[in-house]
Protein backbone atom coordinates (compact mmCIF):
# COMPACT_ATOMS: atom_id res chain seq x y z
CA MET A 1 -76.81 -100.03 -28.22
CA ALA A 2 -74.31 -98.94 -25.58
CA VAL A 3 -73.46 -95.40 -24.63
CA ASP A 4 -69.87 -94.22 -24.85
CA THR A 5 -69.61 -91.21 -22.57
CA ASP A 6 -67.36 -89.89 -19.85
CA SER A 7 -69.89 -87.30 -18.74
CA LYS A 8 -70.95 -87.41 -15.10
CA GLU A 9 -74.23 -85.66 -15.94
CA LEU A 10 -77.10 -86.52 -18.27
CA ASP A 11 -79.70 -84.38 -20.02
CA LEU A 12 -81.74 -86.57 -22.36
CA LEU A 13 -84.93 -86.28 -24.36
CA GLY A 14 -86.52 -89.62 -25.16
CA TYR A 15 -89.35 -92.08 -24.63
CA TRP A 16 -89.89 -93.91 -21.33
CA TRP A 17 -91.99 -96.92 -20.38
CA LEU A 18 -92.41 -99.76 -17.90
CA PRO A 19 -91.03 -103.18 -18.90
CA ASP A 20 -94.51 -104.76 -18.88
CA SER A 21 -96.05 -101.85 -20.84
CA SER A 22 -93.70 -101.42 -23.77
CA ASP A 23 -96.59 -100.31 -25.99
CA ARG A 24 -97.11 -97.24 -23.78
CA ARG A 25 -94.12 -94.98 -24.38
CA VAL A 26 -94.24 -91.53 -22.80
CA PRO A 27 -92.04 -88.67 -24.04
CA GLY A 28 -89.98 -86.92 -21.42
CA ARG A 29 -86.68 -85.47 -20.25
CA LEU A 30 -84.16 -87.16 -17.94
CA ILE A 31 -81.74 -84.95 -16.00
CA TRP A 32 -79.04 -86.62 -13.92
CA HIS A 33 -76.56 -85.01 -11.54
CA PRO A 34 -74.15 -87.12 -9.46
CA GLN A 35 -74.88 -85.16 -6.29
CA ASP A 36 -78.66 -84.75 -6.62
CA GLY A 37 -79.59 -87.90 -8.51
CA GLY A 38 -82.06 -87.91 -11.38
CA ARG A 39 -85.37 -86.35 -12.33
CA LEU A 40 -87.57 -87.71 -15.10
CA HIS A 41 -90.06 -85.09 -16.34
CA LEU A 42 -92.75 -86.80 -18.43
CA LEU A 43 -95.36 -85.23 -20.67
CA GLY A 44 -97.79 -87.93 -19.60
CA GLU A 45 -98.23 -90.62 -16.97
CA LEU A 46 -96.07 -93.70 -16.80
CA ARG A 47 -98.85 -96.09 -15.76
CA PRO A 48 -101.95 -96.52 -17.95
CA ILE A 49 -105.00 -94.75 -16.58
CA VAL A 50 -107.76 -97.11 -15.45
CA PHE A 51 -111.22 -95.55 -15.41
CA LYS A 52 -114.18 -96.85 -13.39
CA ASP A 53 -117.90 -96.17 -13.50
CA ASN A 54 -119.88 -94.88 -10.55
CA PRO A 55 -123.64 -95.30 -11.15
CA LEU A 56 -125.64 -92.40 -9.61
CA SER A 57 -129.18 -92.45 -8.19
CA ASP A 58 -130.54 -90.51 -11.16
CA GLY A 59 -129.41 -93.26 -13.54
CA THR A 60 -126.37 -91.44 -14.89
CA VAL A 61 -122.89 -92.87 -14.66
CA GLN A 62 -119.97 -90.87 -13.35
CA ARG A 63 -116.52 -91.84 -14.60
CA TYR A 64 -113.55 -91.60 -12.27
CA ARG A 65 -110.13 -93.08 -11.61
CA GLU A 66 -108.81 -94.37 -8.36
CA ARG A 67 -105.87 -92.71 -6.72
CA ARG A 68 -102.63 -94.61 -6.95
CA SER A 69 -101.38 -96.52 -3.95
CA LYS A 70 -97.89 -95.86 -2.60
CA LEU A 71 -96.75 -99.12 -4.14
CA GLU A 72 -98.01 -98.05 -7.57
CA ASN A 73 -95.89 -94.90 -7.30
CA GLN A 74 -92.70 -96.96 -7.01
CA PHE A 75 -90.87 -98.10 -10.13
CA PRO A 76 -87.99 -100.55 -9.57
CA VAL A 77 -87.20 -100.43 -13.31
CA ILE A 78 -88.07 -97.98 -16.08
CA HIS A 79 -86.95 -98.39 -19.71
CA GLY A 80 -85.95 -95.51 -21.93
CA GLU A 81 -84.69 -94.85 -25.43
CA THR A 82 -83.12 -91.76 -26.91
CA GLN A 83 -81.22 -91.51 -30.19
CA HIS A 84 -81.19 -95.33 -30.39
CA HIS A 85 -79.50 -95.61 -26.98
CA ALA A 86 -81.00 -97.85 -24.31
CA TYR A 87 -81.43 -96.75 -20.69
CA THR A 88 -82.64 -98.51 -17.56
CA LEU A 89 -83.67 -96.31 -14.64
CA LEU A 90 -83.38 -97.90 -11.20
CA ASN A 91 -85.28 -97.56 -7.90
CA SER A 92 -87.44 -94.64 -9.00
CA PHE A 93 -90.60 -93.20 -7.48
CA SER A 94 -93.24 -90.72 -8.58
CA LEU A 95 -93.15 -87.31 -6.92
CA ASN A 96 -96.71 -86.37 -7.86
CA GLY A 97 -98.37 -89.71 -8.62
CA VAL A 98 -100.62 -89.60 -5.56
CA GLY A 99 -102.00 -86.27 -6.72
CA LEU A 100 -102.80 -87.31 -10.28
CA HIS A 101 -106.56 -87.11 -10.80
CA GLY A 102 -109.23 -86.21 -13.31
CA LEU A 103 -110.13 -87.74 -16.64
CA GLU A 104 -107.22 -86.26 -18.57
CA GLU A 105 -103.65 -87.48 -18.58
CA MET A 106 -101.29 -85.23 -16.64
CA PRO A 107 -97.50 -84.65 -16.62
CA GLU A 108 -95.65 -86.84 -14.14
CA ASN A 109 -92.37 -86.14 -12.33
CA ILE A 110 -90.25 -89.06 -11.15
CA ALA A 111 -87.19 -89.19 -8.89
CA VAL A 112 -84.49 -91.54 -10.18
CA ASN A 113 -81.82 -93.13 -7.97
CA GLY A 114 -79.73 -94.90 -10.61
CA VAL A 115 -79.22 -95.19 -14.37
CA LEU A 116 -77.76 -97.93 -16.54
CA ALA A 117 -76.84 -96.46 -19.92
CA GLY A 118 -76.42 -99.01 -22.67
CA ALA A 119 -78.86 -101.85 -21.91
CA TRP A 120 -82.39 -102.73 -20.84
CA TYR A 121 -82.98 -104.85 -17.75
CA ASN A 122 -86.45 -106.04 -16.80
CA ASP A 123 -85.87 -106.62 -13.10
CA LEU A 124 -83.40 -105.52 -10.43
CA ASP A 125 -82.40 -109.15 -9.89
CA ASP A 126 -81.55 -109.43 -13.60
CA ILE A 127 -78.73 -106.88 -13.40
CA GLU A 128 -75.71 -109.11 -13.78
CA ALA A 129 -72.24 -108.62 -15.17
CA ASP A 130 -69.08 -110.66 -15.35
CA ARG A 131 -66.87 -107.57 -15.21
CA ALA A 132 -66.99 -104.10 -13.66
CA ILE A 133 -64.50 -101.27 -14.13
CA PHE A 134 -64.21 -98.43 -11.62
CA ASP A 135 -62.47 -95.07 -11.99
CA LEU A 136 -61.55 -94.26 -8.40
CA ARG A 137 -60.24 -90.83 -7.50
CA HIS A 138 -56.67 -90.86 -6.08
CA LEU A 139 -56.19 -94.57 -6.88
CA THR A 140 -53.36 -93.86 -9.34
CA THR A 141 -51.42 -91.83 -6.78
CA TRP A 142 -51.89 -94.50 -4.11
CA VAL A 143 -50.70 -97.32 -6.39
CA ASP A 144 -47.57 -95.22 -6.92
CA THR A 145 -46.26 -97.38 -9.77
CA ASN A 146 -45.16 -95.46 -12.85
CA GLY A 147 -44.83 -96.92 -16.33
CA LEU A 148 -43.97 -93.62 -18.03
CA ASP A 149 -40.47 -92.35 -18.74
CA THR A 150 -39.71 -89.03 -20.47
CA ARG A 151 -36.20 -88.17 -21.64
CA PHE A 152 -34.70 -85.22 -23.50
CA PRO A 153 -31.58 -86.63 -25.24
CA ALA A 154 -30.55 -83.17 -26.49
CA PHE A 155 -29.86 -82.14 -22.92
CA ASP A 156 -27.33 -84.98 -22.74
CA GLY A 157 -25.50 -83.77 -25.84
CA GLN A 158 -27.15 -86.30 -28.12
CA PRO A 159 -28.63 -85.45 -31.52
CA ASP A 160 -32.31 -85.80 -32.36
CA PRO A 161 -34.82 -86.95 -31.23
CA TYR A 162 -35.38 -84.03 -28.92
CA ALA A 163 -37.82 -85.86 -26.62
CA VAL A 164 -38.58 -89.52 -26.08
CA ILE A 165 -41.62 -90.75 -24.15
CA THR A 166 -41.60 -94.41 -23.22
CA ALA A 167 -44.85 -95.95 -21.98
CA ASN A 168 -44.34 -99.37 -20.45
CA ARG A 169 -47.28 -101.65 -19.83
CA LEU A 170 -47.14 -102.86 -16.25
CA PRO A 171 -48.67 -106.08 -14.89
CA PRO A 172 -51.85 -105.73 -12.84
CA TYR A 173 -52.07 -106.25 -9.10
CA VAL A 174 -54.35 -109.26 -8.67
CA THR A 175 -56.07 -110.79 -5.66
CA SER A 176 -59.34 -112.58 -5.01
CA HIS A 177 -62.24 -112.24 -2.61
CA ASP A 178 -65.37 -114.37 -2.20
CA GLY A 179 -65.39 -115.71 -5.75
CA THR A 180 -64.36 -112.40 -7.32
CA THR A 181 -61.05 -111.66 -8.98
CA VAL A 182 -59.98 -108.16 -7.99
CA LYS A 183 -57.44 -106.31 -10.13
CA LEU A 184 -55.73 -102.94 -10.15
CA VAL A 185 -55.07 -102.42 -13.86
CA GLN A 186 -52.86 -99.85 -15.57
CA VAL A 187 -54.48 -97.95 -18.45
CA LEU A 188 -52.39 -96.04 -21.00
CA SER A 189 -54.22 -93.48 -23.15
CA HIS A 190 -53.16 -91.11 -25.88
CA VAL A 191 -53.67 -87.41 -25.15
CA GLY A 192 -53.48 -84.42 -27.46
CA ASP A 193 -54.50 -83.66 -31.02
CA GLN A 194 -51.20 -84.96 -32.52
CA GLU A 195 -50.69 -81.58 -34.20
CA THR A 196 -50.02 -79.13 -31.38
CA MET A 197 -49.76 -81.62 -28.52
CA SER A 198 -49.19 -85.33 -28.16
CA GLY A 199 -48.48 -87.56 -25.20
CA VAL A 200 -49.48 -90.52 -23.09
CA SER A 201 -51.51 -90.48 -19.88
CA GLN A 202 -51.45 -93.21 -17.26
CA ALA A 203 -54.13 -94.24 -14.80
CA TRP A 204 -54.86 -97.23 -12.59
CA ARG A 205 -58.36 -98.63 -12.43
CA LEU A 206 -60.14 -101.13 -10.24
CA VAL A 207 -61.54 -104.13 -12.13
CA THR A 208 -63.70 -106.88 -10.62
CA VAL A 209 -64.41 -110.13 -12.45
CA ARG A 210 -66.93 -112.82 -11.49
CA GLU A 211 -67.51 -115.94 -13.55
CA PRO A 212 -69.85 -116.82 -14.96
CA MET A 213 -71.73 -113.78 -13.65
CA GLY A 214 -72.26 -111.62 -10.58
CA GLN A 215 -74.95 -109.30 -9.26
CA LEU A 216 -74.30 -105.58 -9.59
CA GLU A 217 -74.03 -105.19 -5.80
CA GLN A 218 -71.37 -107.90 -5.62
CA HIS A 219 -69.16 -105.71 -7.80
CA THR A 220 -69.98 -102.37 -6.21
CA ASP A 221 -69.62 -103.63 -2.62
CA ILE A 222 -65.98 -104.46 -3.33
CA ALA A 223 -65.47 -101.05 -4.91
CA MET A 224 -66.90 -99.34 -1.82
CA ASP A 225 -64.51 -101.25 0.43
CA ILE A 226 -61.53 -100.34 -1.78
CA ARG A 227 -62.80 -96.76 -1.73
CA ALA A 228 -62.50 -96.80 2.08
CA LEU A 229 -58.93 -98.13 1.89
CA VAL A 230 -57.80 -95.49 -0.62
CA THR A 231 -59.52 -92.74 1.39
CA ILE A 232 -57.64 -93.78 4.54
CA ALA A 233 -54.33 -94.07 2.70
CA THR A 234 -54.60 -90.73 0.90
CA GLY A 235 -56.41 -88.71 3.55
CA LYS A 236 -58.94 -87.49 0.96
CA THR A 237 -62.25 -88.92 -0.23
CA ALA A 238 -61.73 -91.43 -3.04
CA ASP A 239 -64.96 -90.87 -4.96
CA LEU A 240 -66.19 -93.32 -7.58
CA GLU A 241 -65.94 -91.13 -10.67
CA LYS A 242 -67.11 -93.60 -13.31
CA VAL A 243 -68.50 -97.14 -13.18
CA VAL A 244 -68.81 -99.44 -16.17
CA ILE A 245 -70.19 -102.97 -16.18
CA GLN A 246 -69.86 -105.48 -19.00
CA HIS A 247 -71.83 -108.51 -20.10
CA PRO A 248 -70.35 -111.35 -22.19
CA GLU A 249 -73.22 -111.15 -24.68
CA LEU A 250 -72.92 -107.41 -25.27
CA HIS A 251 -70.24 -106.73 -27.90
CA ALA A 252 -68.98 -103.64 -29.66
CA HIS A 253 -69.93 -103.29 -33.34
CA ASN A 254 -67.95 -102.28 -36.41
CA LEU A 255 -69.03 -99.67 -38.95
CA ALA A 256 -71.01 -102.31 -40.82
CA GLY A 257 -73.03 -103.07 -37.70
CA GLN A 258 -71.43 -106.47 -37.12
CA PRO A 259 -70.46 -107.49 -33.57
CA ILE A 260 -66.75 -107.59 -32.72
CA ARG A 261 -66.42 -110.59 -30.41
CA ALA A 262 -63.07 -109.51 -29.01
CA PHE A 263 -64.41 -106.19 -27.71
CA ARG A 264 -67.10 -105.50 -25.13
CA ASP A 265 -69.63 -102.69 -25.11
CA ASP A 266 -69.80 -100.70 -21.92
CA ILE A 267 -72.87 -100.25 -19.75
CA VAL A 268 -72.27 -97.06 -17.80
CA TYR A 269 -73.68 -97.07 -14.28
CA TYR A 270 -74.76 -93.76 -12.74
CA SER A 271 -75.54 -93.87 -9.04
CA ARG A 272 -75.89 -91.48 -6.12
CA TRP A 273 -72.83 -92.73 -4.27
CA ALA A 274 -73.13 -91.90 -0.59
CA HIS A 275 -71.12 -89.03 0.87
CA ARG A 276 -69.51 -87.51 -2.19
CA SER A 277 -66.76 -84.97 -1.59
CA ASP A 278 -66.72 -81.45 -2.96
CA ASP A 279 -62.91 -81.43 -2.95
CA SER A 280 -61.61 -82.60 -6.32
CA SER A 281 -58.02 -81.35 -5.88
CA PRO A 282 -55.32 -83.94 -6.58
CA VAL A 283 -53.30 -85.87 -4.03
CA HIS A 284 -49.52 -86.04 -4.34
CA THR A 285 -47.24 -88.85 -3.25
CA PHE A 286 -45.93 -86.84 -0.30
CA ASP A 287 -49.53 -86.47 0.94
CA LEU A 288 -50.03 -90.22 1.36
CA TYR A 289 -50.25 -91.91 4.73
CA PHE A 290 -49.04 -95.09 3.05
CA THR A 291 -48.69 -96.47 -0.48
CA LEU A 292 -49.87 -99.76 -1.94
CA ALA A 293 -46.37 -101.20 -1.63
CA GLN A 294 -46.11 -100.13 2.02
CA PHE A 295 -49.54 -101.65 2.65
CA GLY A 296 -48.37 -105.04 1.41
CA GLY A 297 -49.42 -105.14 -2.26
CA ALA A 298 -52.18 -107.24 -3.78
CA GLU A 299 -52.20 -109.86 -1.02
CA ALA A 300 -52.89 -107.18 1.58
CA ILE A 301 -55.82 -105.94 -0.50
CA GLY A 302 -57.30 -109.43 -0.33
CA ARG A 303 -56.94 -109.45 3.45
CA TRP A 304 -58.48 -105.97 3.63
CA LEU A 305 -61.55 -107.14 1.70
CA ALA A 306 -61.91 -110.14 4.02
CA ALA A 307 -61.77 -107.85 7.06
CA ALA A 308 -64.27 -105.48 5.46
CA ALA A 309 -66.64 -108.41 4.92
CA ALA A 310 -66.30 -109.35 8.60
CA TYR A 311 -66.96 -105.78 9.82
CA PRO A 312 -69.07 -104.20 7.04
CA THR A 313 -71.22 -101.80 9.06
CA GLU A 314 -68.34 -100.81 11.32
CA LEU A 315 -66.06 -99.82 8.45
CA ARG A 316 -68.69 -97.92 6.50
CA ARG A 317 -70.02 -96.06 9.53
CA VAL A 318 -66.57 -94.81 10.45
CA MET A 319 -65.79 -93.84 6.86
CA ALA A 320 -69.03 -91.86 6.69
CA THR A 321 -67.43 -89.50 9.21
CA ARG A 322 -64.55 -88.87 6.76
CA TYR A 323 -66.18 -88.61 3.35
CA THR A 324 -67.72 -85.18 3.97
CA ASN A 325 -67.29 -82.24 6.32
CA GLU A 326 -71.03 -81.93 6.96
CA MET A 327 -71.15 -84.15 10.07
CA TYR A 328 -71.09 -82.42 13.45
CA LEU A 329 -68.01 -83.06 15.55
CA GLU A 330 -70.14 -84.57 18.33
CA ASP A 331 -71.75 -86.97 15.83
CA ARG A 332 -68.33 -88.05 14.59
CA ILE A 333 -67.31 -88.87 18.15
CA MET A 334 -70.53 -90.75 18.95
CA ASN A 335 -70.52 -92.72 15.70
CA THR A 336 -66.90 -93.79 16.11
CA CYS A 337 -67.45 -94.74 19.75
CA ALA A 338 -70.40 -96.92 18.74
CA VAL A 339 -68.31 -98.55 16.02
CA LEU A 340 -65.41 -99.27 18.39
CA GLU A 341 -67.81 -100.92 20.81
CA SER A 342 -69.30 -103.11 18.07
CA PHE A 343 -65.90 -103.82 16.51
CA ASP A 344 -64.54 -105.19 19.79
CA ALA A 345 -67.69 -107.20 20.48
CA VAL A 346 -67.48 -108.92 17.09
CA ARG A 347 -63.71 -109.36 17.15
CA ARG A 348 -63.49 -110.94 20.60
CA GLY A 349 -66.90 -112.61 20.56
CA LYS A 350 -67.95 -110.89 23.79
CA PRO A 351 -71.14 -108.98 23.00
CA LYS A 352 -72.34 -108.71 26.62
CA ASN A 353 -71.10 -107.92 30.11
CA VAL A 354 -68.04 -105.97 28.95
CA ASP A 355 -67.67 -102.34 29.98
CA PHE A 356 -67.17 -99.77 27.25
CA VAL A 357 -63.86 -98.68 28.75
CA ASP A 358 -62.55 -102.25 28.49
CA ARG A 359 -63.55 -102.39 24.84
CA ILE A 360 -61.64 -99.16 24.16
CA LYS A 361 -58.59 -100.54 25.98
CA ALA A 362 -58.75 -103.75 23.95
CA SER A 363 -58.71 -101.78 20.69
CA VAL A 364 -55.84 -99.64 22.00
CA ASP A 365 -53.84 -102.78 22.75
CA LEU A 366 -54.60 -104.09 19.27
CA ALA A 367 -53.60 -100.81 17.57
CA GLY A 368 -50.22 -100.94 19.27
CA PRO A 369 -47.36 -98.45 19.62
CA PRO A 370 -48.35 -96.04 16.81
CA PHE A 371 -51.54 -95.22 18.69
CA HIS A 372 -49.83 -95.06 22.09
CA ASP A 373 -47.58 -92.35 20.67
CA LEU A 374 -50.56 -90.52 19.19
CA VAL A 375 -52.39 -90.00 22.50
CA ALA A 376 -49.14 -89.04 24.29
CA SER A 377 -50.48 -90.15 27.67
CA ALA A 378 -51.32 -93.25 29.64
CA THR A 379 -53.81 -95.17 27.54
CA ASP A 380 -55.92 -96.10 30.59
CA ALA A 381 -56.44 -92.43 31.41
CA TRP A 382 -57.21 -91.64 27.77
CA ALA A 383 -59.77 -94.46 27.60
CA ARG A 384 -61.53 -93.04 30.68
CA ARG A 385 -61.69 -89.60 28.98
CA VAL A 386 -63.33 -91.26 25.96
CA VAL A 387 -65.94 -92.91 28.18
CA GLN A 388 -66.61 -89.61 29.94
CA ALA A 389 -67.07 -87.76 26.64
CA ARG A 390 -69.31 -90.50 25.26
CA ASN A 391 -71.49 -90.48 28.39
CA HIS A 392 -71.85 -86.69 28.40
CA LEU A 393 -72.93 -86.75 24.75
CA ALA A 394 -75.28 -89.72 25.09
CA HIS A 395 -77.00 -88.56 28.30
CA HIS A 396 -76.73 -84.76 27.99
CA GLY A 397 -74.40 -84.59 30.96
CA GLN A 398 -73.56 -81.40 32.76
CA GLN A 399 -70.52 -80.67 30.63
CA PHE A 400 -72.64 -80.96 27.51
CA ARG A 401 -75.45 -78.84 28.98
CA THR A 402 -73.02 -76.07 29.91
CA ASP A 403 -71.93 -75.09 26.42
CA GLY A 404 -73.87 -77.48 24.14
CA ARG A 405 -70.87 -79.45 23.02
CA ILE A 406 -68.30 -81.91 24.28
CA GLY A 407 -64.98 -83.08 22.96
CA GLU A 408 -62.82 -81.50 20.29
CA ARG A 409 -61.28 -82.27 16.92
CA LEU A 410 -58.29 -83.94 18.58
CA LEU A 411 -60.51 -86.51 20.31
CA ALA A 412 -62.44 -87.18 17.10
CA GLU A 413 -59.19 -87.73 15.19
CA GLN A 414 -57.76 -89.98 17.90
CA LEU A 415 -60.88 -92.16 17.85
CA TYR A 416 -60.77 -92.38 14.06
CA TRP A 417 -57.12 -93.43 14.03
CA LEU A 418 -57.75 -95.91 16.83
CA PHE A 419 -60.26 -97.70 14.62
CA VAL A 420 -58.06 -97.43 11.51
CA LEU A 421 -54.93 -98.77 13.20
CA ALA A 422 -56.86 -101.60 14.88
CA PHE A 423 -58.55 -102.47 11.58
CA LEU A 424 -55.20 -102.49 9.78
CA ARG A 425 -53.96 -104.95 12.41
CA VAL A 426 -56.95 -107.20 11.76
CA CYS A 427 -56.17 -107.34 8.04
CA ASP A 428 -52.47 -107.93 8.80
CA ALA A 429 -51.17 -104.85 7.00
CA ALA A 430 -47.41 -104.79 6.48
CA PRO A 431 -45.27 -103.16 9.23
CA ALA A 432 -44.28 -100.46 6.74
CA THR A 433 -47.91 -99.27 6.83
CA PHE A 434 -47.69 -98.33 10.49
CA ASP A 435 -44.21 -96.81 10.10
CA ALA A 436 -45.45 -94.61 7.26
CA ILE A 437 -48.53 -93.48 9.19
CA SER A 438 -46.40 -92.61 12.23
CA LYS A 439 -44.16 -90.38 10.06
CA HIS A 440 -47.01 -88.46 8.42
CA ARG A 441 -47.06 -84.74 9.20
CA GLU A 442 -50.72 -84.84 10.25
CA ILE A 443 -49.97 -87.53 12.82
CA HIS A 444 -47.03 -85.47 14.07
CA TRP A 445 -49.33 -82.47 14.45
CA LEU A 446 -51.95 -84.51 16.34
CA THR A 447 -49.23 -85.89 18.60
CA GLU A 448 -48.03 -82.35 19.39
CA GLN A 449 -51.59 -81.33 20.23
CA ALA A 450 -51.95 -84.34 22.52
CA GLN A 451 -48.67 -83.55 24.23
CA GLY A 452 -49.92 -80.03 24.86
CA GLN A 453 -52.98 -81.42 26.63
CA SER A 454 -51.09 -83.96 28.72
CA PRO A 455 -50.57 -83.06 32.39
CA ALA A 456 -47.08 -81.80 33.17
């Protein structure tokens, strides 16, 4: 039976067992937090205790149990049931399994890295779905397509009705990538109790569809790449707030317990998504660096996903410097420098015998005029400053040894935007994308800072 919940946290009492030991069900409590992951506190041990006999010289036999190996303390899949709801815990490991000893069963504590609420899977490779639905923070603002219209006819001198809310269903944005259909879908929902308040809310969601079926990672990898795009476009971390997968054989049921073929049951996926943001404040349209329309619509999303597949580690390593504020400034600079070097090597097919400064210049040429304006100086001279900063950081040069740091926020931002602008060129973003970025107030501020550093 599936779980219908919008909660980001879990606190469940139930029974838990291994797929190959369904007759051994251990009571326990699962606590899940999106930032910290999960903890399963059991009143017993998940694995059956195996006792052995140790014959002694006096003829007596001493019973004992062997300590678990590290492999035995890892649990790729754990099954659970609470209030007739099915749960599958993923990539878990025992926190105290090595220390379990004695002839009596002891409580076991297990760290959990993922939860599927609504189904049992026996193996990680068995986790398949033909559809996944992602609630992505700031996606609705970035799509910037409104199907709601509210009018007050009385203000125009017309009689009742006093207010009219029109909710228009809008067509999805559809593209494809590597056998997956990728959609941005509008969702209209009723809000209010219909007595004191009533209205309609609108949101856009990311939907991925693979036929006949796709692995869980095939769906989530696309979501992570779209997350990077929305984060760049909005300037704020686009966290995955809810993930639902669906299976064609898992249907919703009516009150009589009969399956409703036209409706799917949801399997809610809880995961410790890397680099979550603590900032949940909304983004407004005037905050955007560029909108979906300026980016080039659905076709541009398809090209973005293709570019992300060609440079997967480069994109995710740069975005890791943006998702949180916990990374040191020097680490942001070093990580982005390393990415720019790899990005150029892959793009031009010249992995060897190319100086770092030439790789930076090549990316500057690719980024084009928006970046030239951002550094407000000769790009050759700026590239040499990047090399100098990178070398001081990598080799603890004199400048780094003097005050323990090198570079500044301006350099870190310039390197980030160099990669972003070059990457947008690779995926053939629409010209309006670069025009919108150039007009953003943050880019204006960075340009003013660069002009203040430029020699007179």
